[in-house]
Amino acid sequence: MERSEHGNTSDTNMDYLYQLLCFLKLHAHTRVQVSIDICRVDCPSRKQRFEVVYHLLSIRYNSCIRVLTFFC
């Protein structure tokens, strides 16, 4: 996980997305409860053209986590 001034960011491939989201929801140090936003980014110049960005919120820890995944 990468940390920046805008919060924490983790990137994964589509094969592990479900496992990562479950981990973030259930782990004692994250406890993500809210999906704030989900968006898709189209970058035609890249080999994996599409990127999906999930913005998640942990109310317990008052922190945001951004999850990036790439496909196609």
Protein backbone atom coordinates (compact mmCIF):
# COMPACT_ATOMS: atom_id res chain seq x y z
CA MET A 1 0.00 0.00 0.00
CA GLU A 2 1.29 3.41 -0.95
CA ARG A 3 0.75 6.41 1.32
CA SER A 4 0.44 10.00 0.06
CA GLU A 5 -1.04 13.32 1.10
CA HIS A 6 -4.31 12.19 -0.49
CA GLY A 7 -4.56 8.98 1.54
CA ASN A 8 -3.57 5.36 1.05
CA THR A 9 -3.50 3.73 -2.38
CA SER A 10 -3.33 0.07 -3.27
CA ASP A 11 -3.32 -1.37 -6.77
CA THR A 12 -4.22 -4.91 -7.72
CA ASN A 13 -5.24 -6.91 -10.74
CA MET A 14 -8.79 -8.09 -11.34
CA ASP A 15 -7.99 -11.63 -10.15
CA TYR A 16 -7.33 -10.43 -6.59
CA LEU A 17 -9.77 -7.52 -6.35
CA TYR A 18 -12.46 -9.40 -4.43
CA GLN A 19 -9.94 -10.79 -1.93
CA LEU A 20 -8.43 -7.34 -1.36
CA LEU A 21 -11.82 -5.71 -0.81
CA CYS A 22 -12.81 -8.46 1.66
CA PHE A 23 -9.51 -8.02 3.49
CA LEU A 24 -10.01 -4.24 3.76
CA LYS A 25 -13.53 -4.78 5.09
CA LEU A 26 -12.68 -7.44 7.67
CA HIS A 27 -9.17 -6.61 8.90
CA ALA A 28 -8.99 -5.03 12.36
CA HIS A 29 -6.65 -2.24 11.19
CA THR A 30 -8.77 -1.09 8.24
CA ARG A 31 -12.48 -1.85 8.82
CA VAL A 32 -13.61 -0.25 5.56
CA GLN A 33 -17.40 0.21 5.70
CA VAL A 34 -18.35 2.66 2.95
CA SER A 35 -17.73 2.78 -0.78
CA ILE A 36 -17.57 6.52 -1.46
CA ASP A 37 -17.02 6.40 -5.21
CA ILE A 38 -16.29 4.01 -8.06
CA CYS A 39 -15.13 5.34 -11.41
CA ARG A 40 -13.55 4.11 -14.63
CA VAL A 41 -10.65 5.79 -16.42
CA ASP A 42 -9.95 5.21 -20.12
CA CYS A 43 -6.31 5.53 -21.18
CA PRO A 44 -6.20 4.47 -24.86
CA SER A 45 -2.41 4.71 -25.08
CA ARG A 46 -1.82 2.01 -22.43
CA LYS A 47 -1.79 -1.73 -23.02
CA GLN A 48 -4.31 -2.27 -20.22
CA ARG A 49 -6.59 0.50 -21.36
CA PHE A 50 -9.13 0.72 -18.55
CA GLU A 51 -8.59 1.47 -14.89
CA VAL A 52 -11.27 1.20 -12.19
CA VAL A 53 -10.78 3.31 -9.08
CA TYR A 54 -12.55 2.54 -5.80
CA HIS A 55 -12.60 5.14 -3.02
CA LEU A 56 -13.34 3.49 0.31
CA LEU A 57 -13.90 4.91 3.80
CA SER A 58 -13.17 3.52 7.23
CA ILE A 59 -15.44 5.38 9.64
CA ARG A 60 -13.78 3.77 12.66
CA TYR A 61 -10.32 5.10 11.70
CA ASN A 62 -11.51 8.17 9.76
CA SER A 63 -9.37 7.24 6.77
CA CYS A 64 -9.80 6.81 3.04
CA ILE A 65 -8.28 4.08 0.90
CA ARG A 66 -8.07 4.18 -2.88
CA VAL A 67 -7.92 0.86 -4.75
CA LEU A 68 -6.85 0.81 -8.40
CA THR A 69 -7.29 -2.10 -10.77
CA PHE A 70 -6.47 -2.39 -14.47
CA PHE A 71 -8.05 -4.46 -17.23
CA CYS A 72 -8.46 -4.82 -21.02
